[in-house]
Amino acid sequence: MKNSSPFNLDQCSLSNDLWPEFINKIGFIKANLAVRQSLDLQRMQGSTSTLPLLILETCGSALVDSQAVKTYIGLSYLDQGMVLIFSSKSKAIQLLRDN
């Protein structure tokens, strides 16, 4: 299958360490704000077929096709309040659920 995502999700490993490392790097308040901004992007410009993606190196946000997430990490059900954390440096992703 051709990867339609510019983030090369197929080359990323799954991680449970991205979120704690991000908090340690910029602090809880700023990390939480970055997640909120990603969720805001989803609410403003997303759809049921997109998932917000938080780019750790830049604190930027993007929307990715939820089908690509299903293909590369095997999660078929994506709920509101979920953010995919992406690190291009470590080539890793982590799914985060905001409460």
N, C-alpha and C. Protein backbone atom coordinates (compact mmCIF):
# COMPACT_ATOMS: atom_id res chain seq x y z
N MET A 1 0.84 -1.18 0.00
CA MET A 1 0.00 0.00 0.00
C MET A 1 0.88 1.24 0.00
N LYS A 2 0.53 2.18 -0.84
CA LYS A 2 1.29 3.42 -0.91
C LYS A 2 0.95 4.30 0.29
N ASN A 3 1.96 4.86 0.88
CA ASN A 3 1.78 5.74 2.03
C ASN A 3 1.35 7.11 1.54
N SER A 4 0.12 7.52 1.89
CA SER A 4 -0.38 8.83 1.45
C SER A 4 -0.08 9.92 2.47
N SER A 5 0.51 9.56 3.58
CA SER A 5 0.82 10.52 4.62
C SER A 5 2.23 11.07 4.44
N PRO A 6 2.40 12.38 4.55
CA PRO A 6 3.75 12.93 4.45
C PRO A 6 4.59 12.64 5.69
N PHE A 7 4.00 11.99 6.68
CA PHE A 7 4.69 11.73 7.93
C PHE A 7 5.33 10.35 8.00
N ASN A 8 5.22 9.56 6.93
CA ASN A 8 5.84 8.24 6.87
C ASN A 8 5.52 7.39 8.10
N LEU A 9 4.25 7.27 8.39
CA LEU A 9 3.82 6.49 9.54
C LEU A 9 4.26 5.04 9.44
N ASP A 10 4.38 4.55 8.21
CA ASP A 10 4.79 3.16 8.02
C ASP A 10 6.23 2.91 8.46
N GLN A 11 7.01 3.95 8.62
CA GLN A 11 8.40 3.82 9.05
C GLN A 11 8.59 4.10 10.54
N CYS A 12 7.48 4.37 11.23
CA CYS A 12 7.55 4.72 12.65
C CYS A 12 7.28 3.50 13.53
N SER A 13 7.92 3.51 14.66
CA SER A 13 7.63 2.48 15.66
C SER A 13 6.66 3.05 16.68
N LEU A 14 5.94 2.18 17.36
CA LEU A 14 5.04 2.61 18.41
C LEU A 14 5.83 2.86 19.68
N SER A 15 5.45 3.88 20.40
CA SER A 15 6.18 4.25 21.61
C SER A 15 5.21 4.59 22.73
N ASN A 16 5.65 4.38 23.93
CA ASN A 16 4.92 4.85 25.11
C ASN A 16 5.70 5.94 25.83
N ASP A 17 6.80 6.37 25.23
CA ASP A 17 7.70 7.31 25.88
C ASP A 17 7.64 8.73 25.33
N LEU A 18 6.97 8.95 24.20
CA LEU A 18 6.99 10.29 23.59
C LEU A 18 6.34 11.34 24.48
N TRP A 19 5.17 11.03 25.02
CA TRP A 19 4.47 12.01 25.84
C TRP A 19 5.26 12.37 27.09
N PRO A 20 5.76 11.41 27.88
CA PRO A 20 6.55 11.79 29.05
C PRO A 20 7.82 12.57 28.69
N GLU A 21 8.47 12.20 27.59
CA GLU A 21 9.67 12.93 27.16
C GLU A 21 9.32 14.36 26.76
N PHE A 22 8.18 14.53 26.09
CA PHE A 22 7.72 15.85 25.68
C PHE A 22 7.45 16.73 26.89
N ILE A 23 6.78 16.17 27.89
CA ILE A 23 6.50 16.91 29.13
C ILE A 23 7.80 17.31 29.81
N ASN A 24 8.75 16.39 29.88
CA ASN A 24 10.04 16.70 30.50
C ASN A 24 10.78 17.79 29.75
N LYS A 25 10.60 17.84 28.44
CA LYS A 25 11.32 18.82 27.63
C LYS A 25 10.73 20.23 27.74
N ILE A 26 9.39 20.36 27.65
CA ILE A 26 8.81 21.70 27.61
C ILE A 26 7.89 22.02 28.79
N GLY A 27 7.64 21.04 29.63
CA GLY A 27 6.78 21.27 30.79
C GLY A 27 5.35 20.85 30.52
N PHE A 28 4.65 20.52 31.59
CA PHE A 28 3.29 19.99 31.46
C PHE A 28 2.33 21.00 30.86
N ILE A 29 2.40 22.24 31.30
CA ILE A 29 1.44 23.26 30.83
C ILE A 29 1.58 23.48 29.32
N LYS A 30 2.81 23.65 28.84
CA LYS A 30 3.01 23.87 27.40
C LYS A 30 2.67 22.63 26.58
N ALA A 31 2.99 21.45 27.11
CA ALA A 31 2.67 20.21 26.40
C ALA A 31 1.15 20.04 26.30
N ASN A 32 0.46 20.34 27.38
CA ASN A 32 -0.99 20.25 27.39
C ASN A 32 -1.60 21.27 26.42
N LEU A 33 -1.03 22.45 26.34
CA LEU A 33 -1.50 23.47 25.40
C LEU A 33 -1.32 22.99 23.96
N ALA A 34 -0.21 22.35 23.66
CA ALA A 34 0.04 21.83 22.31
C ALA A 34 -1.01 20.78 21.94
N VAL A 35 -1.39 19.93 22.89
CA VAL A 35 -2.44 18.94 22.63
C VAL A 35 -3.76 19.64 22.39
N ARG A 36 -4.08 20.63 23.19
CA ARG A 36 -5.33 21.40 23.01
C ARG A 36 -5.40 22.05 21.63
N GLN A 37 -4.26 22.60 21.17
CA GLN A 37 -4.24 23.23 19.86
C GLN A 37 -4.47 22.20 18.76
N SER A 38 -3.92 21.00 18.92
CA SER A 38 -4.16 19.93 17.95
C SER A 38 -5.64 19.54 17.92
N LEU A 39 -6.23 19.43 19.10
CA LEU A 39 -7.65 19.10 19.16
C LEU A 39 -8.52 20.22 18.60
N ASP A 40 -8.11 21.47 18.80
CA ASP A 40 -8.83 22.60 18.22
C ASP A 40 -8.79 22.54 16.70
N LEU A 41 -7.63 22.19 16.14
CA LEU A 41 -7.51 22.06 14.69
C LEU A 41 -8.48 21.00 14.18
N GLN A 42 -8.58 19.89 14.89
CA GLN A 42 -9.51 18.83 14.50
C GLN A 42 -10.94 19.34 14.53
N ARG A 43 -11.30 20.07 15.57
CA ARG A 43 -12.66 20.60 15.68
C ARG A 43 -12.97 21.62 14.59
N MET A 44 -11.99 22.45 14.24
CA MET A 44 -12.23 23.51 13.28
C MET A 44 -12.16 23.04 11.83
N GLN A 45 -11.20 22.16 11.52
CA GLN A 45 -10.98 21.81 10.11
C GLN A 45 -11.02 20.31 9.83
N GLY A 46 -11.16 19.51 10.87
CA GLY A 46 -11.14 18.07 10.69
C GLY A 46 -12.50 17.49 10.35
N SER A 47 -12.52 16.18 10.24
CA SER A 47 -13.75 15.46 9.96
C SER A 47 -13.69 14.13 10.70
N THR A 48 -14.69 13.30 10.50
CA THR A 48 -14.69 11.98 11.12
C THR A 48 -13.62 11.07 10.54
N SER A 49 -13.04 11.46 9.41
CA SER A 49 -12.01 10.63 8.80
C SER A 49 -10.60 11.19 9.03
N THR A 50 -10.46 12.13 9.96
CA THR A 50 -9.14 12.67 10.28
C THR A 50 -8.84 12.53 11.76
N LEU A 51 -7.57 12.60 12.06
CA LEU A 51 -7.08 12.54 13.43
C LEU A 51 -6.02 13.61 13.58
N PRO A 52 -6.06 14.39 14.67
CA PRO A 52 -5.02 15.40 14.85
C PRO A 52 -3.68 14.76 15.18
N LEU A 53 -2.64 15.34 14.63
CA LEU A 53 -1.28 14.86 14.84
C LEU A 53 -0.47 16.00 15.42
N LEU A 54 0.23 15.72 16.50
CA LEU A 54 1.09 16.70 17.16
C LEU A 54 2.53 16.36 16.82
N ILE A 55 3.23 17.29 16.19
CA ILE A 55 4.62 17.09 15.79
C ILE A 55 5.50 17.60 16.93
N LEU A 56 6.20 16.69 17.58
CA LEU A 56 6.92 17.07 18.80
C LEU A 56 8.05 18.06 18.56
N GLU A 57 8.77 17.91 17.49
CA GLU A 57 9.94 18.77 17.28
C GLU A 57 9.57 20.23 17.08
N THR A 58 8.38 20.50 16.56
CA THR A 58 7.99 21.88 16.27
C THR A 58 6.78 22.34 17.08
N CYS A 59 6.15 21.43 17.81
CA CYS A 59 4.88 21.70 18.49
C CYS A 59 3.78 22.06 17.49
N GLY A 60 3.99 21.70 16.24
CA GLY A 60 3.01 21.96 15.20
C GLY A 60 1.93 20.90 15.20
N SER A 61 0.84 21.21 14.51
CA SER A 61 -0.28 20.29 14.40
C SER A 61 -0.63 20.07 12.94
N ALA A 62 -1.15 18.91 12.66
CA ALA A 62 -1.62 18.57 11.33
C ALA A 62 -2.78 17.60 11.49
N LEU A 63 -3.46 17.35 10.39
CA LEU A 63 -4.51 16.35 10.38
C LEU A 63 -4.06 15.21 9.48
N VAL A 64 -4.24 13.99 9.94
CA VAL A 64 -3.89 12.82 9.14
C VAL A 64 -5.15 11.98 8.94
N ASP A 65 -5.14 11.23 7.88
CA ASP A 65 -6.24 10.35 7.54
C ASP A 65 -6.31 9.23 8.58
N SER A 66 -7.46 9.06 9.19
CA SER A 66 -7.58 8.02 10.22
C SER A 66 -7.41 6.63 9.63
N GLN A 67 -7.67 6.47 8.33
CA GLN A 67 -7.44 5.17 7.69
C GLN A 67 -5.95 4.84 7.68
N ALA A 68 -5.11 5.85 7.49
CA ALA A 68 -3.66 5.62 7.53
C ALA A 68 -3.24 5.17 8.92
N VAL A 69 -3.84 5.76 9.94
CA VAL A 69 -3.53 5.36 11.32
C VAL A 69 -3.94 3.91 11.53
N LYS A 70 -5.11 3.56 11.04
CA LYS A 70 -5.58 2.17 11.16
C LYS A 70 -4.61 1.22 10.45
N THR A 71 -4.16 1.60 9.27
CA THR A 71 -3.26 0.76 8.49
C THR A 71 -1.93 0.56 9.19
N TYR A 72 -1.36 1.61 9.76
CA TYR A 72 0.00 1.53 10.28
C TYR A 72 0.11 1.17 11.76
N ILE A 73 -0.93 1.46 12.55
CA ILE A 73 -0.82 1.06 13.96
C ILE A 73 -1.91 0.08 14.37
N GLY A 74 -2.82 -0.22 13.45
CA GLY A 74 -3.80 -1.26 13.70
C GLY A 74 -4.97 -0.87 14.58
N LEU A 75 -5.14 0.40 14.86
CA LEU A 75 -6.25 0.83 15.69
C LEU A 75 -7.41 1.24 14.79
N SER A 76 -8.51 0.51 14.88
CA SER A 76 -9.62 0.78 13.97
C SER A 76 -10.63 1.76 14.54
N TYR A 77 -10.67 1.92 15.85
CA TYR A 77 -11.63 2.83 16.46
C TYR A 77 -10.90 4.02 17.05
N LEU A 78 -11.17 5.17 16.51
CA LEU A 78 -10.55 6.39 17.01
C LEU A 78 -11.65 7.29 17.55
N ASP A 79 -11.53 7.66 18.78
CA ASP A 79 -12.53 8.43 19.48
C ASP A 79 -12.17 9.91 19.45
N GLN A 80 -13.16 10.75 19.74
CA GLN A 80 -12.87 12.16 19.89
C GLN A 80 -11.92 12.33 21.07
N GLY A 81 -11.08 13.34 20.98
CA GLY A 81 -10.14 13.60 22.06
C GLY A 81 -8.85 12.81 21.95
N MET A 82 -8.64 12.15 20.82
CA MET A 82 -7.41 11.39 20.62
C MET A 82 -6.47 12.20 19.72
N VAL A 83 -5.20 12.15 20.06
CA VAL A 83 -4.17 12.85 19.31
C VAL A 83 -3.04 11.85 19.03
N LEU A 84 -2.56 11.86 17.82
CA LEU A 84 -1.40 11.04 17.48
C LEU A 84 -0.16 11.91 17.64
N ILE A 85 0.73 11.50 18.53
CA ILE A 85 1.97 12.23 18.76
C ILE A 85 3.02 11.64 17.82
N PHE A 86 3.74 12.51 17.14
CA PHE A 86 4.69 12.09 16.12
C PHE A 86 6.05 12.72 16.36
N SER A 87 7.08 11.90 16.31
CA SER A 87 8.45 12.41 16.41
C SER A 87 9.22 11.97 15.17
N SER A 88 9.59 12.94 14.34
CA SER A 88 10.38 12.61 13.16
C SER A 88 11.82 12.24 13.54
N LYS A 89 12.29 12.81 14.61
CA LYS A 89 13.66 12.55 15.07
C LYS A 89 13.83 11.08 15.50
N SER A 90 12.91 10.60 16.30
CA SER A 90 13.02 9.22 16.77
C SER A 90 12.20 8.24 15.92
N LYS A 91 11.52 8.77 14.89
CA LYS A 91 10.67 7.95 14.02
C LYS A 91 9.73 7.08 14.85
N ALA A 92 8.96 7.76 15.70
CA ALA A 92 8.05 7.07 16.60
C ALA A 92 6.73 7.81 16.68
N ILE A 93 5.68 7.06 17.02
CA ILE A 93 4.35 7.63 17.21
C ILE A 93 3.77 7.07 18.50
N GLN A 94 2.88 7.86 19.09
CA GLN A 94 2.16 7.42 20.27
C GLN A 94 0.75 8.01 20.20
N LEU A 95 -0.21 7.19 20.50
CA LEU A 95 -1.60 7.65 20.53
C LEU A 95 -1.93 8.11 21.93
N LEU A 96 -2.45 9.32 22.04
CA LEU A 96 -2.76 9.91 23.34
C LEU A 96 -4.26 10.22 23.38
N ARG A 97 -4.87 9.86 24.46
CA ARG A 97 -6.29 10.19 24.66
C ARG A 97 -6.36 11.30 25.69
N ASP A 98 -6.95 12.41 25.30
CA ASP A 98 -7.11 13.55 26.22
C ASP A 98 -8.38 13.34 27.01
N ASN A 99 -8.30 13.53 28.30
CA ASN A 99 -9.50 13.34 29.14
C ASN A 99 -10.21 14.63 29.35
